[in-house]
Amino acid sequence: MRLAKPTIFNLLRHGQVNGPAAIYGKTDVSLSEQGHRAMLAQVQQINRPDIIVTSPLSRCLVFAQQLANELDVPLIVEDALQECNFGLYDGVPFDDLRKQWLALSSFWEDPFHCTLPAAETLNAFHQRVINCWGQLNTEMIGQNNLLICHGGVIRQILAEVLSSNWQQGAWYSKLQVGYASLTRISIAEYEQASPVVDFIAKPPFNERLT
């Protein structure tokens, strides 16, 4: 059966944050001015969304609220689209984690088995994101959807669509999802159509010119 029109999911990672180099998960750090400009440049390259869905963290939410108001489109704040909680190391500058570097290295090499202290497990993170993704696929058929979220969230969704091994560290170290990058997944206007990845982590237009 042919549906009215295809379903589009534009996955926009938040821009550069206003803070030192660190693992930012639950830490509610704000966007830098450069990060805001890069996100603005990115959304100017896509069609007007029918709806915007955002992580509740301010580096996503503030921009999403401004854009939704400007475009006069509905905004949904979805808790499940938050970044992974990295526990005791979350938001701590790397310069202050020199004594913990061995634990960090083990986590980066094998994140499924080496959970950071007091952190969310990779399995729990994956499951909450994929459960949300499945719900969005059901509820937002035939719409042009803009999801404003995080690099880790986008990687979990891509792993599900591409049937990739999200448990391995290589999935995170070899797949670059840069600040303010755009990933697009489309679903054809047919019942039972499978999601297709149109492109991954396209940088903002102004960065492609440099």
C-alpha atoms as a PDB file:
ATOM      1  CA  MET A   1       0.000   0.000   0.000  1.00  0.00           C
ATOM      2  CA  ARG A   2       1.359   3.404  -0.976  1.00  0.00           C
ATOM      3  CA  LEU A   3       1.311   6.072   1.723  1.00  0.00           C
ATOM      4  CA  ALA A   4       0.948   9.826   1.218  1.00  0.00           C
ATOM      5  CA  LYS A   5       4.646  10.719   1.286  1.00  0.00           C
ATOM      6  CA  PRO A   6       7.968   9.419   2.597  1.00  0.00           C
ATOM      7  CA  THR A   7       9.084   9.820   6.191  1.00  0.00           C
ATOM      8  CA  ILE A   8      12.241  11.850   6.746  1.00  0.00           C
ATOM      9  CA  PHE A   9      14.349  11.965   9.898  1.00  0.00           C
ATOM     10  CA  ASN A  10      17.019  14.673   9.934  1.00  0.00           C
ATOM     11  CA  LEU A  11      19.310  13.929  12.881  1.00  0.00           C
ATOM     12  CA  LEU A  12      21.152  17.085  13.910  1.00  0.00           C
ATOM     13  CA  ARG A  13      23.903  16.853  16.482  1.00  0.00           C
ATOM     14  CA  HIS A  14      24.263  19.880  18.736  1.00  0.00           C
ATOM     15  CA  GLY A  15      27.052  22.302  17.988  1.00  0.00           C
ATOM     16  CA  GLN A  16      30.276  22.998  19.849  1.00  0.00           C
ATOM     17  CA  VAL A  17      29.760  23.419  23.579  1.00  0.00           C
ATOM     18  CA  ASN A  18      30.917  26.136  25.932  1.00  0.00           C
ATOM     19  CA  GLY A  19      33.359  24.165  28.040  1.00  0.00           C
ATOM     20  CA  PRO A  20      36.763  22.480  28.160  1.00  0.00           C
ATOM     21  CA  ALA A  21      37.435  19.152  26.428  1.00  0.00           C
ATOM     22  CA  ALA A  22      35.557  16.467  28.359  1.00  0.00           C
ATOM     23  CA  ILE A  23      33.065  13.633  28.016  1.00  0.00           C
ATOM     24  CA  TYR A  24      29.753  15.470  28.109  1.00  0.00           C
ATOM     25  CA  GLY A  25      26.785  13.214  28.732  1.00  0.00           C
ATOM     26  CA  LYS A  26      24.284  14.176  31.436  1.00  0.00           C
ATOM     27  CA  THR A  27      26.256  17.360  32.184  1.00  0.00           C
ATOM     28  CA  ASP A  28      24.058  20.232  31.061  1.00  0.00           C
ATOM     29  CA  VAL A  29      26.632  22.361  29.292  1.00  0.00           C
ATOM     30  CA  SER A  30      25.478  25.164  26.995  1.00  0.00           C
ATOM     31  CA  LEU A  31      26.270  25.825  23.346  1.00  0.00           C
ATOM     32  CA  SER A  32      29.102  28.143  22.402  1.00  0.00           C
ATOM     33  CA  GLU A  33      28.369  31.004  20.013  1.00  0.00           C
ATOM     34  CA  GLN A  34      30.211  29.112  17.295  1.00  0.00           C
ATOM     35  CA  GLY A  35      28.120  26.024  18.016  1.00  0.00           C
ATOM     36  CA  HIS A  36      24.904  28.005  17.661  1.00  0.00           C
ATOM     37  CA  ARG A  37      26.030  29.541  14.373  1.00  0.00           C
ATOM     38  CA  ALA A  38      26.963  26.136  12.969  1.00  0.00           C
ATOM     39  CA  MET A  39      23.573  24.653  13.833  1.00  0.00           C
ATOM     40  CA  LEU A  40      21.841  27.639  12.290  1.00  0.00           C
ATOM     41  CA  ALA A  41      23.862  27.230   9.098  1.00  0.00           C
ATOM     42  CA  GLN A  42      22.943  23.548   8.987  1.00  0.00           C
ATOM     43  CA  VAL A  43      19.177  23.941   9.347  1.00  0.00           C
ATOM     44  CA  GLN A  44      19.151  26.545   6.595  1.00  0.00           C
ATOM     45  CA  GLN A  45      20.135  23.752   4.196  1.00  0.00           C
ATOM     46  CA  ILE A  46      17.103  21.542   4.912  1.00  0.00           C
ATOM     47  CA  ASN A  47      13.410  21.813   4.187  1.00  0.00           C
ATOM     48  CA  ARG A  48      11.140  23.245   6.858  1.00  0.00           C
ATOM     49  CA  PRO A  49      10.380  20.441   9.333  1.00  0.00           C
ATOM     50  CA  ASP A  50       6.852  19.419  10.230  1.00  0.00           C
ATOM     51  CA  ILE A  51       7.933  18.775  13.802  1.00  0.00           C
ATOM     52  CA  ILE A  52      11.047  19.134  15.951  1.00  0.00           C
ATOM     53  CA  VAL A  53      12.020  16.575  18.586  1.00  0.00           C
ATOM     54  CA  THR A  54      14.818  17.437  20.985  1.00  0.00           C
ATOM     55  CA  SER A  55      16.885  16.167  23.864  1.00  0.00           C
ATOM     56  CA  PRO A  56      16.073  18.069  27.088  1.00  0.00           C
ATOM     57  CA  LEU A  57      19.720  19.055  27.613  1.00  0.00           C
ATOM     58  CA  SER A  58      20.280  22.759  27.024  1.00  0.00           C
ATOM     59  CA  ARG A  59      22.869  22.330  24.258  1.00  0.00           C
ATOM     60  CA  CYS A  60      19.988  20.915  22.198  1.00  0.00           C
ATOM     61  CA  LEU A  61      16.872  22.335  23.833  1.00  0.00           C
ATOM     62  CA  VAL A  62      17.642  26.061  23.685  1.00  0.00           C
ATOM     63  CA  PHE A  63      18.313  25.997  19.944  1.00  0.00           C
ATOM     64  CA  ALA A  64      15.305  23.716  19.340  1.00  0.00           C
ATOM     65  CA  GLN A  65      12.981  26.087  21.193  1.00  0.00           C
ATOM     66  CA  GLN A  66      14.227  29.085  19.236  1.00  0.00           C
ATOM     67  CA  LEU A  67      13.877  27.277  15.914  1.00  0.00           C
ATOM     68  CA  ALA A  68      10.408  25.935  16.717  1.00  0.00           C
ATOM     69  CA  ASN A  69       9.227  29.423  17.656  1.00  0.00           C
ATOM     70  CA  GLU A  70      10.736  30.956  14.534  1.00  0.00           C
ATOM     71  CA  LEU A  71       9.216  28.350  12.205  1.00  0.00           C
ATOM     72  CA  ASP A  72       5.976  27.989  14.188  1.00  0.00           C
ATOM     73  CA  VAL A  73       6.204  24.192  14.276  1.00  0.00           C
ATOM     74  CA  PRO A  74       5.454  21.781  17.154  1.00  0.00           C
ATOM     75  CA  LEU A  75       8.264  20.906  19.565  1.00  0.00           C
ATOM     76  CA  ILE A  76       8.546  17.658  21.519  1.00  0.00           C
ATOM     77  CA  VAL A  77      11.075  17.286  24.332  1.00  0.00           C
ATOM     78  CA  GLU A  78      12.067  13.622  24.553  1.00  0.00           C
ATOM     79  CA  ASP A  79      14.019  12.490  27.615  1.00  0.00           C
ATOM     80  CA  ALA A  80      15.152   9.279  25.905  1.00  0.00           C
ATOM     81  CA  LEU A  81      17.211  11.285  23.403  1.00  0.00           C
ATOM     82  CA  GLN A  82      19.644  12.446  26.092  1.00  0.00           C
ATOM     83  CA  GLU A  83      23.290  11.495  25.721  1.00  0.00           C
ATOM     84  CA  CYS A  84      24.679   8.572  27.711  1.00  0.00           C
ATOM     85  CA  ASN A  85      25.317   9.223  31.403  1.00  0.00           C
ATOM     86  CA  PHE A  86      29.083   8.821  31.873  1.00  0.00           C
ATOM     87  CA  GLY A  87      28.893   8.722  35.652  1.00  0.00           C
ATOM     88  CA  LEU A  88      31.713  10.106  37.780  1.00  0.00           C
ATOM     89  CA  TYR A  89      33.708  11.185  34.721  1.00  0.00           C
ATOM     90  CA  ASP A  90      30.828  13.015  33.064  1.00  0.00           C
ATOM     91  CA  GLY A  91      31.733  16.623  32.316  1.00  0.00           C
ATOM     92  CA  VAL A  92      35.108  16.408  34.061  1.00  0.00           C
ATOM     93  CA  PRO A  93      37.855  18.054  31.953  1.00  0.00           C
ATOM     94  CA  PHE A  94      40.278  15.522  30.508  1.00  0.00           C
ATOM     95  CA  ASP A  95      43.138  17.429  32.135  1.00  0.00           C
ATOM     96  CA  ASP A  96      41.662  16.469  35.521  1.00  0.00           C
ATOM     97  CA  LEU A  97      41.346  12.775  34.632  1.00  0.00           C
ATOM     98  CA  ARG A  98      44.991  11.914  34.078  1.00  0.00           C
ATOM     99  CA  LYS A  99      44.984   9.382  36.928  1.00  0.00           C
ATOM    100  CA  GLN A 100      41.858   7.759  35.463  1.00  0.00           C
ATOM    101  CA  TRP A 101      43.248   7.465  31.938  1.00  0.00           C
ATOM    102  CA  LEU A 102      43.609   3.675  32.118  1.00  0.00           C
ATOM    103  CA  ALA A 103      39.924   3.279  32.936  1.00  0.00           C
ATOM    104  CA  LEU A 104      39.018   5.674  30.136  1.00  0.00           C
ATOM    105  CA  SER A 105      41.196   3.778  27.656  1.00  0.00           C
ATOM    106  CA  SER A 106      39.524   0.496  28.612  1.00  0.00           C
ATOM    107  CA  PHE A 107      36.114   2.094  28.158  1.00  0.00           C
ATOM    108  CA  TRP A 108      36.953   3.442  24.709  1.00  0.00           C
ATOM    109  CA  GLU A 109      38.335   0.077  23.597  1.00  0.00           C
ATOM    110  CA  ASP A 110      35.469  -2.039  24.976  1.00  0.00           C
ATOM    111  CA  PRO A 111      32.559   0.175  26.089  1.00  0.00           C
ATOM    112  CA  PHE A 112      30.090  -2.707  26.345  1.00  0.00           C
ATOM    113  CA  HIS A 113      32.053  -4.536  29.041  1.00  0.00           C
ATOM    114  CA  CYS A 114      33.963  -1.643  30.649  1.00  0.00           C
ATOM    115  CA  THR A 115      31.372   0.690  32.152  1.00  0.00           C
ATOM    116  CA  LEU A 116      32.751   3.840  33.757  1.00  0.00           C
ATOM    117  CA  PRO A 117      32.192   4.330  37.513  1.00  0.00           C
ATOM    118  CA  ALA A 118      28.527   5.069  38.359  1.00  0.00           C
ATOM    119  CA  ALA A 119      27.759   5.407  34.634  1.00  0.00           C
ATOM    120  CA  GLU A 120      24.870   4.174  32.519  1.00  0.00           C
ATOM    121  CA  THR A 121      25.763   0.915  30.799  1.00  0.00           C
ATOM    122  CA  LEU A 122      26.101   0.945  27.038  1.00  0.00           C
ATOM    123  CA  ASN A 123      23.344  -1.668  26.817  1.00  0.00           C
ATOM    124  CA  ALA A 124      20.917   0.475  28.835  1.00  0.00           C
ATOM    125  CA  PHE A 125      21.769   3.533  26.736  1.00  0.00           C
ATOM    126  CA  HIS A 126      21.286   1.626  23.491  1.00  0.00           C
ATOM    127  CA  GLN A 127      17.955   0.178  24.568  1.00  0.00           C
ATOM    128  CA  ARG A 128      16.422   3.481  25.658  1.00  0.00           C
ATOM    129  CA  VAL A 129      17.470   5.188  22.418  1.00  0.00           C
ATOM    130  CA  ILE A 130      16.231   2.347  20.204  1.00  0.00           C
ATOM    131  CA  ASN A 131      12.931   2.102  22.070  1.00  0.00           C
ATOM    132  CA  CYS A 132      12.442   5.817  21.443  1.00  0.00           C
ATOM    133  CA  TRP A 133      13.470   5.425  17.790  1.00  0.00           C
ATOM    134  CA  GLY A 134      10.887   2.682  17.301  1.00  0.00           C
ATOM    135  CA  GLN A 135       8.194   4.875  18.810  1.00  0.00           C
ATOM    136  CA  LEU A 136       9.109   7.819  16.588  1.00  0.00           C
ATOM    137  CA  ASN A 137       8.984   5.579  13.522  1.00  0.00           C
ATOM    138  CA  THR A 138       5.441   4.590  14.452  1.00  0.00           C
ATOM    139  CA  GLU A 139       4.121   8.026  15.376  1.00  0.00           C
ATOM    140  CA  MET A 140       5.741  10.258  12.743  1.00  0.00           C
ATOM    141  CA  ILE A 141       4.980   8.482   9.486  1.00  0.00           C
ATOM    142  CA  GLY A 142       4.838  10.719   6.418  1.00  0.00           C
ATOM    143  CA  GLN A 143       6.436  13.736   8.101  1.00  0.00           C
ATOM    144  CA  ASN A 144       9.658  15.673   7.729  1.00  0.00           C
ATOM    145  CA  ASN A 145      11.089  15.305  11.234  1.00  0.00           C
ATOM    146  CA  LEU A 146      14.033  17.139  12.771  1.00  0.00           C
ATOM    147  CA  LEU A 147      15.685  15.414  15.741  1.00  0.00           C
ATOM    148  CA  ILE A 148      18.166  17.560  17.668  1.00  0.00           C
ATOM    149  CA  CYS A 149      20.281  15.322  19.851  1.00  0.00           C
ATOM    150  CA  HIS A 150      23.765  13.950  20.556  1.00  0.00           C
ATOM    151  CA  GLY A 151      26.555  12.063  18.827  1.00  0.00           C
ATOM    152  CA  GLY A 152      26.041   8.935  20.898  1.00  0.00           C
ATOM    153  CA  VAL A 153      22.308   8.929  20.231  1.00  0.00           C
ATOM    154  CA  ILE A 154      22.868   9.247  16.480  1.00  0.00           C
ATOM    155  CA  ARG A 155      25.352   6.361  16.555  1.00  0.00           C
ATOM    156  CA  GLN A 156      22.823   4.105  18.306  1.00  0.00           C
ATOM    157  CA  ILE A 157      20.147   4.902  15.722  1.00  0.00           C
ATOM    158  CA  LEU A 158      22.574   4.315  12.848  1.00  0.00           C
ATOM    159  CA  ALA A 159      23.669   1.006  14.349  1.00  0.00           C
ATOM    160  CA  GLU A 160      20.044  -0.120  14.467  1.00  0.00           C
ATOM    161  CA  VAL A 161      19.273   0.939  10.897  1.00  0.00           C
ATOM    162  CA  LEU A 162      22.520  -0.472   9.486  1.00  0.00           C
ATOM    163  CA  SER A 163      22.526  -3.619  11.667  1.00  0.00           C
ATOM    164  CA  SER A 164      25.997  -2.666  12.903  1.00  0.00           C
ATOM    165  CA  ASN A 165      27.778  -3.885  16.014  1.00  0.00           C
ATOM    166  CA  TRP A 166      27.206  -1.064  18.503  1.00  0.00           C
ATOM    167  CA  GLN A 167      28.932  -3.033  21.269  1.00  0.00           C
ATOM    168  CA  GLN A 168      32.422  -2.605  19.819  1.00  0.00           C
ATOM    169  CA  GLY A 169      34.633   0.368  20.525  1.00  0.00           C
ATOM    170  CA  ALA A 170      35.436   0.663  16.819  1.00  0.00           C
ATOM    171  CA  TRP A 171      31.853   1.748  16.103  1.00  0.00           C
ATOM    172  CA  TYR A 172      32.501   4.905  18.150  1.00  0.00           C
ATOM    173  CA  SER A 173      36.158   5.553  17.335  1.00  0.00           C
ATOM    174  CA  LYS A 174      35.842   5.069  13.568  1.00  0.00           C
ATOM    175  CA  LEU A 175      32.480   6.767  12.991  1.00  0.00           C
ATOM    176  CA  GLN A 176      32.903  10.512  13.254  1.00  0.00           C
ATOM    177  CA  VAL A 177      29.705  12.426  14.067  1.00  0.00           C
ATOM    178  CA  GLY A 178      30.941  15.986  14.337  1.00  0.00           C
ATOM    179  CA  TYR A 179      29.425  19.003  16.027  1.00  0.00           C
ATOM    180  CA  ALA A 180      26.386  20.374  14.161  1.00  0.00           C
ATOM    181  CA  SER A 181      26.603  17.548  11.615  1.00  0.00           C
ATOM    182  CA  LEU A 182      23.487  16.298   9.857  1.00  0.00           C
ATOM    183  CA  THR A 183      22.507  12.668   9.258  1.00  0.00           C
ATOM    184  CA  ARG A 184      19.429  11.758   7.232  1.00  0.00           C
ATOM    185  CA  ILE A 185      17.332   8.601   7.352  1.00  0.00           C
ATOM    186  CA  SER A 186      14.353   8.188   5.041  1.00  0.00           C
ATOM    187  CA  ILE A 187      11.546   5.667   4.819  1.00  0.00           C
ATOM    188  CA  ALA A 188       9.716   5.247   1.498  1.00  0.00           C
ATOM    189  CA  GLU A 189       5.996   5.835   1.184  1.00  0.00           C
ATOM    190  CA  TYR A 190       5.150   2.121   1.283  1.00  0.00           C
ATOM    191  CA  GLU A 191       3.964  -0.017   4.157  1.00  0.00           C
ATOM    192  CA  GLN A 192       6.749  -2.190   5.605  1.00  0.00           C
ATOM    193  CA  ALA A 193       9.416  -0.060   3.904  1.00  0.00           C
ATOM    194  CA  SER A 194      12.788  -0.256   5.623  1.00  0.00           C
ATOM    195  CA  PRO A 195      14.686   2.859   6.747  1.00  0.00           C
ATOM    196  CA  VAL A 196      17.481   3.952   4.418  1.00  0.00           C
ATOM    197  CA  VAL A 197      20.490   6.067   5.421  1.00  0.00           C
ATOM    198  CA  ASP A 198      20.814   8.879   2.876  1.00  0.00           C
ATOM    199  CA  PHE A 199      23.984  10.380   4.340  1.00  0.00           C
ATOM    200  CA  ILE A 200      25.935  10.438   7.603  1.00  0.00           C
ATOM    201  CA  ALA A 201      27.373  13.373   9.549  1.00  0.00           C
ATOM    202  CA  LYS A 202      27.365  16.002   6.811  1.00  0.00           C
ATOM    203  CA  PRO A 203      29.150  19.066   8.249  1.00  0.00           C
ATOM    204  CA  PRO A 204      27.602  22.542   8.241  1.00  0.00           C
ATOM    205  CA  PHE A 205      27.775  24.322   4.904  1.00  0.00           C
ATOM    206  CA  ASN A 206      30.278  26.925   6.086  1.00  0.00           C
ATOM    207  CA  GLU A 207      32.644  24.186   7.304  1.00  0.00           C
ATOM    208  CA  ARG A 208      32.486  22.388   3.951  1.00  0.00           C
ATOM    209  CA  LEU A 209      33.894  25.525   2.329  1.00  0.00           C
ATOM    210  CA  THR A 210      37.024  25.614   4.494  1.00  0.00           C
END
